[in-house]
Amino acid sequence: MPNAKILHTIMDKAQMAKTIKRIASEIVENDNGEFSLVIVGLKTRGEFIARRIYNEIKNAGLSDVEFGVLDATLFRDDFRSNLKVPNFSVNDMPFSVDDKKVVVVDDVIFTGRSVNAAINAIMDIGRPKIIKFAAIIDRGHRELPLAPDFIGEVIKTLPTQEIRVKLSEVDKEDAVYLVEKI
């Protein structure tokens, strides 16, 4: 792994699949059917995790569920403080979020800025009844008062450490690593 030393493998392929299945089950159990369910993945890795969760939910028999992809880069509160021009892409949400239960999915929650940006982006698109949040890893160090409703694992990290989520769709492997920046 360039510029990082692997300290620990948090999840391998089997553990990640089990975690995604568990999160999907928790979402289904938490769904009382009052509102239509929407699963929204945050670019980039959250998109693929959300797709897997969506497929698990569909396999569990919940048919009234939609899937979308959101790039909330332009809604980040630290967007203007970065000197480089960010990469961002077009959202893929061909449905209304009005009066729906939206579950935003990302790989890791750290400061809370990405999920805050996602909430702002979703509210700019429409008016959902409920917004929930799912993450594979919660690594702490929150700067905003946000917490996931559905969590794979909580891993306490040092400021010099990072969580690297690898997905077969992007990285040719499924794993989660605790790494030290070098």
C-alpha atoms as a PDB file:
ATOM      1  CA  MET A   1       0.000   0.000   0.000  1.00  0.00           C
ATOM      2  CA  PRO A   2       1.795   3.166  -1.151  1.00  0.00           C
ATOM      3  CA  ASN A   3       2.516   5.752   1.560  1.00  0.00           C
ATOM      4  CA  ALA A   4       1.054   3.532   4.275  1.00  0.00           C
ATOM      5  CA  LYS A   5       2.070   0.609   6.445  1.00  0.00           C
ATOM      6  CA  ILE A   6      -0.627  -1.959   7.222  1.00  0.00           C
ATOM      7  CA  LEU A   7      -0.954  -2.327  10.995  1.00  0.00           C
ATOM      8  CA  HIS A   8      -3.950  -4.622  11.129  1.00  0.00           C
ATOM      9  CA  THR A   9      -6.519  -6.257   8.869  1.00  0.00           C
ATOM     10  CA  ILE A  10      -9.880  -5.257  10.341  1.00  0.00           C
ATOM     11  CA  MET A  11     -12.020  -7.164   7.846  1.00  0.00           C
ATOM     12  CA  ASP A  12     -11.294  -9.690   5.146  1.00  0.00           C
ATOM     13  CA  LYS A  13     -13.646 -10.523   2.287  1.00  0.00           C
ATOM     14  CA  ALA A  14     -15.832 -12.896   4.346  1.00  0.00           C
ATOM     15  CA  GLN A  15     -16.065 -10.517   7.307  1.00  0.00           C
ATOM     16  CA  MET A  16     -16.986  -7.624   5.024  1.00  0.00           C
ATOM     17  CA  ALA A  17     -19.744  -9.664   3.353  1.00  0.00           C
ATOM     18  CA  LYS A  18     -21.092 -10.660   6.777  1.00  0.00           C
ATOM     19  CA  THR A  19     -20.997  -7.032   7.973  1.00  0.00           C
ATOM     20  CA  ILE A  20     -22.833  -5.772   4.892  1.00  0.00           C
ATOM     21  CA  LYS A  21     -25.469  -8.476   5.303  1.00  0.00           C
ATOM     22  CA  ARG A  22     -25.905  -7.555   8.983  1.00  0.00           C
ATOM     23  CA  ILE A  23     -26.271  -3.833   8.197  1.00  0.00           C
ATOM     24  CA  ALA A  24     -28.846  -4.652   5.510  1.00  0.00           C
ATOM     25  CA  SER A  25     -30.737  -6.831   8.009  1.00  0.00           C
ATOM     26  CA  GLU A  26     -30.720  -4.023  10.574  1.00  0.00           C
ATOM     27  CA  ILE A  27     -32.082  -1.594   7.971  1.00  0.00           C
ATOM     28  CA  VAL A  28     -34.881  -4.047   7.107  1.00  0.00           C
ATOM     29  CA  GLU A  29     -35.651  -4.664  10.799  1.00  0.00           C
ATOM     30  CA  ASN A  30     -35.736  -0.892  11.400  1.00  0.00           C
ATOM     31  CA  ASP A  31     -38.102  -0.332   8.467  1.00  0.00           C
ATOM     32  CA  ASN A  32     -41.723  -0.299   9.563  1.00  0.00           C
ATOM     33  CA  GLY A  33     -42.995   0.245   6.017  1.00  0.00           C
ATOM     34  CA  GLU A  34     -44.408   3.670   6.852  1.00  0.00           C
ATOM     35  CA  PHE A  35     -42.236   5.402   4.230  1.00  0.00           C
ATOM     36  CA  SER A  36     -40.676   4.209   0.972  1.00  0.00           C
ATOM     37  CA  LEU A  37     -37.044   3.263   1.479  1.00  0.00           C
ATOM     38  CA  VAL A  38     -34.176   4.755  -0.511  1.00  0.00           C
ATOM     39  CA  ILE A  39     -30.548   3.578  -0.246  1.00  0.00           C
ATOM     40  CA  VAL A  40     -28.074   6.280  -1.326  1.00  0.00           C
ATOM     41  CA  GLY A  41     -24.360   5.554  -1.656  1.00  0.00           C
ATOM     42  CA  LEU A  42     -21.784   8.320  -1.369  1.00  0.00           C
ATOM     43  CA  LYS A  43     -19.171   8.426  -4.098  1.00  0.00           C
ATOM     44  CA  THR A  44     -16.901   6.451  -4.407  1.00  0.00           C
ATOM     45  CA  ARG A  45     -16.694   3.491  -2.071  1.00  0.00           C
ATOM     46  CA  GLY A  46     -19.994   4.234  -0.353  1.00  0.00           C
ATOM     47  CA  GLU A  47     -21.649   3.743  -3.726  1.00  0.00           C
ATOM     48  CA  PHE A  48     -20.478   0.134  -3.991  1.00  0.00           C
ATOM     49  CA  ILE A  49     -21.200  -0.691  -0.359  1.00  0.00           C
ATOM     50  CA  ALA A  50     -24.684   0.803  -0.769  1.00  0.00           C
ATOM     51  CA  ARG A  51     -25.264  -1.304  -3.897  1.00  0.00           C
ATOM     52  CA  ARG A  52     -24.371  -4.434  -1.928  1.00  0.00           C
ATOM     53  CA  ILE A  53     -26.683  -3.399   0.939  1.00  0.00           C
ATOM     54  CA  TYR A  54     -29.459  -2.644  -1.554  1.00  0.00           C
ATOM     55  CA  ASN A  55     -29.052  -6.102  -3.118  1.00  0.00           C
ATOM     56  CA  GLU A  56     -29.197  -7.762   0.314  1.00  0.00           C
ATOM     57  CA  ILE A  57     -32.366  -5.825   1.134  1.00  0.00           C
ATOM     58  CA  LYS A  58     -33.942  -6.864  -2.172  1.00  0.00           C
ATOM     59  CA  ASN A  59     -32.912 -10.489  -1.495  1.00  0.00           C
ATOM     60  CA  ALA A  60     -34.601 -10.244   1.919  1.00  0.00           C
ATOM     61  CA  GLY A  61     -37.864  -9.569   0.091  1.00  0.00           C
ATOM     62  CA  LEU A  62     -38.261  -5.823   0.637  1.00  0.00           C
ATOM     63  CA  SER A  63     -39.390  -4.786  -2.823  1.00  0.00           C
ATOM     64  CA  ASP A  64     -40.290  -1.121  -2.240  1.00  0.00           C
ATOM     65  CA  VAL A  65     -36.698   0.133  -2.164  1.00  0.00           C
ATOM     66  CA  GLU A  66     -34.824   2.422  -4.543  1.00  0.00           C
ATOM     67  CA  PHE A  67     -31.091   2.935  -5.081  1.00  0.00           C
ATOM     68  CA  GLY A  68     -29.172   6.111  -5.838  1.00  0.00           C
ATOM     69  CA  VAL A  69     -25.652   7.515  -5.915  1.00  0.00           C
ATOM     70  CA  LEU A  70     -24.687  10.907  -4.547  1.00  0.00           C
ATOM     71  CA  ASP A  71     -21.528  12.974  -4.905  1.00  0.00           C
ATOM     72  CA  ALA A  72     -21.756  15.561  -2.120  1.00  0.00           C
ATOM     73  CA  THR A  73     -18.323  17.126  -2.772  1.00  0.00           C
ATOM     74  CA  LEU A  74     -19.700  20.577  -3.589  1.00  0.00           C
ATOM     75  CA  PHE A  75     -21.751  20.577  -0.376  1.00  0.00           C
ATOM     76  CA  ARG A  76     -18.760  20.068   1.932  1.00  0.00           C
ATOM     77  CA  ASP A  77     -18.150  22.941   4.329  1.00  0.00           C
ATOM     78  CA  ASP A  78     -14.405  22.598   3.748  1.00  0.00           C
ATOM     79  CA  PHE A  79     -14.749  22.730  -0.069  1.00  0.00           C
ATOM     80  CA  ARG A  80     -13.545  26.330  -0.354  1.00  0.00           C
ATOM     81  CA  SER A  81     -10.593  25.811   2.009  1.00  0.00           C
ATOM     82  CA  ASN A  82      -8.965  23.292  -0.332  1.00  0.00           C
ATOM     83  CA  LEU A  83      -6.682  24.898  -2.872  1.00  0.00           C
ATOM     84  CA  LYS A  84      -7.004  22.168  -5.467  1.00  0.00           C
ATOM     85  CA  VAL A  85     -10.042  21.762  -7.696  1.00  0.00           C
ATOM     86  CA  PRO A  86     -12.013  18.756  -6.434  1.00  0.00           C
ATOM     87  CA  ASN A  87     -13.149  15.900  -8.610  1.00  0.00           C
ATOM     88  CA  PHE A  88     -16.887  15.453  -8.581  1.00  0.00           C
ATOM     89  CA  SER A  89     -19.366  13.548 -10.665  1.00  0.00           C
ATOM     90  CA  VAL A  90     -23.003  13.599 -11.633  1.00  0.00           C
ATOM     91  CA  ASN A  91     -25.469  12.200  -9.128  1.00  0.00           C
ATOM     92  CA  ASP A  92     -27.550   9.192 -10.115  1.00  0.00           C
ATOM     93  CA  MET A  93     -30.820   9.608  -8.243  1.00  0.00           C
ATOM     94  CA  PRO A  94     -33.620   9.186 -10.810  1.00  0.00           C
ATOM     95  CA  PHE A  95     -36.380   9.488  -8.209  1.00  0.00           C
ATOM     96  CA  SER A  96     -37.768  11.939  -5.697  1.00  0.00           C
ATOM     97  CA  VAL A  97     -36.638  11.753  -2.080  1.00  0.00           C
ATOM     98  CA  ASP A  98     -39.756  13.606  -0.927  1.00  0.00           C
ATOM     99  CA  ASP A  99     -41.585  11.858   1.930  1.00  0.00           C
ATOM    100  CA  LYS A 100     -39.175   8.882   1.843  1.00  0.00           C
ATOM    101  CA  LYS A 101     -36.827   7.236   4.319  1.00  0.00           C
ATOM    102  CA  VAL A 102     -33.311   7.809   2.973  1.00  0.00           C
ATOM    103  CA  VAL A 103     -30.393   5.712   4.219  1.00  0.00           C
ATOM    104  CA  VAL A 104     -27.088   7.334   3.276  1.00  0.00           C
ATOM    105  CA  VAL A 105     -24.211   4.829   3.048  1.00  0.00           C
ATOM    106  CA  ASP A 106     -20.476   5.511   3.227  1.00  0.00           C
ATOM    107  CA  ASP A 107     -17.433   3.389   3.913  1.00  0.00           C
ATOM    108  CA  VAL A 108     -15.957   5.250   6.902  1.00  0.00           C
ATOM    109  CA  ILE A 109     -17.225   7.987   9.174  1.00  0.00           C
ATOM    110  CA  PHE A 110     -14.455  10.157  10.541  1.00  0.00           C
ATOM    111  CA  THR A 111     -15.067  13.885  11.130  1.00  0.00           C
ATOM    112  CA  GLY A 112     -18.695  13.750   9.982  1.00  0.00           C
ATOM    113  CA  ARG A 113     -18.183  16.279   7.199  1.00  0.00           C
ATOM    114  CA  SER A 114     -19.024  13.885   4.355  1.00  0.00           C
ATOM    115  CA  VAL A 115     -22.326  12.786   5.869  1.00  0.00           C
ATOM    116  CA  ASN A 116     -23.157  16.401   6.728  1.00  0.00           C
ATOM    117  CA  ALA A 117     -22.531  17.333   3.092  1.00  0.00           C
ATOM    118  CA  ALA A 118     -24.707  14.409   1.983  1.00  0.00           C
ATOM    119  CA  ILE A 119     -27.564  15.566   4.206  1.00  0.00           C
ATOM    120  CA  ASN A 120     -27.269  19.084   2.774  1.00  0.00           C
ATOM    121  CA  ALA A 121     -27.218  17.725  -0.793  1.00  0.00           C
ATOM    122  CA  ILE A 122     -30.265  15.529  -0.163  1.00  0.00           C
ATOM    123  CA  MET A 123     -32.179  18.411   1.408  1.00  0.00           C
ATOM    124  CA  ASP A 124     -31.309  20.492  -1.651  1.00  0.00           C
ATOM    125  CA  ILE A 125     -32.893  17.803  -3.856  1.00  0.00           C
ATOM    126  CA  GLY A 126     -36.076  17.328  -1.834  1.00  0.00           C
ATOM    127  CA  ARG A 127     -37.677  16.803   1.556  1.00  0.00           C
ATOM    128  CA  PRO A 128     -37.348  13.261   2.917  1.00  0.00           C
ATOM    129  CA  LYS A 129     -39.312  12.197   6.002  1.00  0.00           C
ATOM    130  CA  ILE A 130     -36.285  10.513   7.600  1.00  0.00           C
ATOM    131  CA  ILE A 131     -32.548  10.428   6.901  1.00  0.00           C
ATOM    132  CA  LYS A 132     -30.471   7.637   8.452  1.00  0.00           C
ATOM    133  CA  PHE A 133     -26.790   6.869   8.016  1.00  0.00           C
ATOM    134  CA  ALA A 134     -24.854   3.612   7.623  1.00  0.00           C
ATOM    135  CA  ALA A 135     -21.080   3.116   7.641  1.00  0.00           C
ATOM    136  CA  ILE A 136     -18.850   0.058   7.579  1.00  0.00           C
ATOM    137  CA  ILE A 137     -16.362   1.678   9.986  1.00  0.00           C
ATOM    138  CA  ASP A 138     -16.720   4.414  12.607  1.00  0.00           C
ATOM    139  CA  ARG A 139     -13.213   5.585  13.443  1.00  0.00           C
ATOM    140  CA  GLY A 140     -14.120   8.376  15.856  1.00  0.00           C
ATOM    141  CA  HIS A 141     -12.558  11.865  15.873  1.00  0.00           C
ATOM    142  CA  ARG A 142     -15.897  13.503  15.067  1.00  0.00           C
ATOM    143  CA  GLU A 143     -15.902  17.251  14.433  1.00  0.00           C
ATOM    144  CA  LEU A 144     -19.667  17.440  13.900  1.00  0.00           C
ATOM    145  CA  PRO A 145     -22.395  15.958  16.132  1.00  0.00           C
ATOM    146  CA  LEU A 146     -23.288  13.141  13.751  1.00  0.00           C
ATOM    147  CA  ALA A 147     -23.298   9.390  14.311  1.00  0.00           C
ATOM    148  CA  PRO A 148     -24.216   6.418  12.138  1.00  0.00           C
ATOM    149  CA  ASP A 149     -27.504   4.636  12.777  1.00  0.00           C
ATOM    150  CA  PHE A 150     -26.096   1.408  11.320  1.00  0.00           C
ATOM    151  CA  ILE A 151     -22.422   0.568  11.980  1.00  0.00           C
ATOM    152  CA  GLY A 152     -20.223  -2.316  10.923  1.00  0.00           C
ATOM    153  CA  GLU A 153     -17.461  -1.770  13.489  1.00  0.00           C
ATOM    154  CA  VAL A 154     -16.124   0.981  15.726  1.00  0.00           C
ATOM    155  CA  ILE A 155     -12.338   1.230  15.478  1.00  0.00           C
ATOM    156  CA  LYS A 156     -10.544   3.838  17.582  1.00  0.00           C
ATOM    157  CA  THR A 157      -7.643   5.318  15.654  1.00  0.00           C
ATOM    158  CA  LEU A 158      -4.775   7.664  16.352  1.00  0.00           C
ATOM    159  CA  PRO A 159      -4.513  10.889  14.327  1.00  0.00           C
ATOM    160  CA  THR A 160      -1.576   9.387  12.376  1.00  0.00           C
ATOM    161  CA  GLN A 161      -3.612   6.339  11.391  1.00  0.00           C
ATOM    162  CA  GLU A 162      -6.188   5.812   8.673  1.00  0.00           C
ATOM    163  CA  ILE A 163      -8.773   3.241   7.745  1.00  0.00           C
ATOM    164  CA  ARG A 164      -8.449   1.983   4.169  1.00  0.00           C
ATOM    165  CA  VAL A 165     -11.484   0.234   2.744  1.00  0.00           C
ATOM    166  CA  LYS A 166     -10.716  -1.840  -0.326  1.00  0.00           C
ATOM    167  CA  LEU A 167     -13.528  -2.982  -2.607  1.00  0.00           C
ATOM    168  CA  SER A 168     -13.323  -5.394  -5.512  1.00  0.00           C
ATOM    169  CA  GLU A 169     -15.180  -2.938  -7.765  1.00  0.00           C
ATOM    170  CA  VAL A 170     -12.402  -0.357  -7.323  1.00  0.00           C
ATOM    171  CA  ASP A 171      -9.391  -2.068  -5.762  1.00  0.00           C
ATOM    172  CA  LYS A 172      -9.688  -5.713  -6.916  1.00  0.00           C
ATOM    173  CA  GLU A 173     -10.020  -6.938  -3.299  1.00  0.00           C
ATOM    174  CA  ASP A 174     -12.466  -6.720  -0.391  1.00  0.00           C
ATOM    175  CA  ALA A 175     -10.770  -5.796   2.889  1.00  0.00           C
ATOM    176  CA  VAL A 176     -10.531  -3.117   5.554  1.00  0.00           C
ATOM    177  CA  TYR A 177      -7.109  -2.158   6.895  1.00  0.00           C
ATOM    178  CA  LEU A 178      -5.832  -0.001   9.732  1.00  0.00           C
ATOM    179  CA  VAL A 179      -2.781   1.753   8.315  1.00  0.00           C
ATOM    180  CA  GLU A 180      -0.093   4.134   9.512  1.00  0.00           C
ATOM    181  CA  LYS A 181       0.788   6.969   7.147  1.00  0.00           C
ATOM    182  CA  ILE A 182       4.476   6.982   6.165  1.00  0.00           C
END
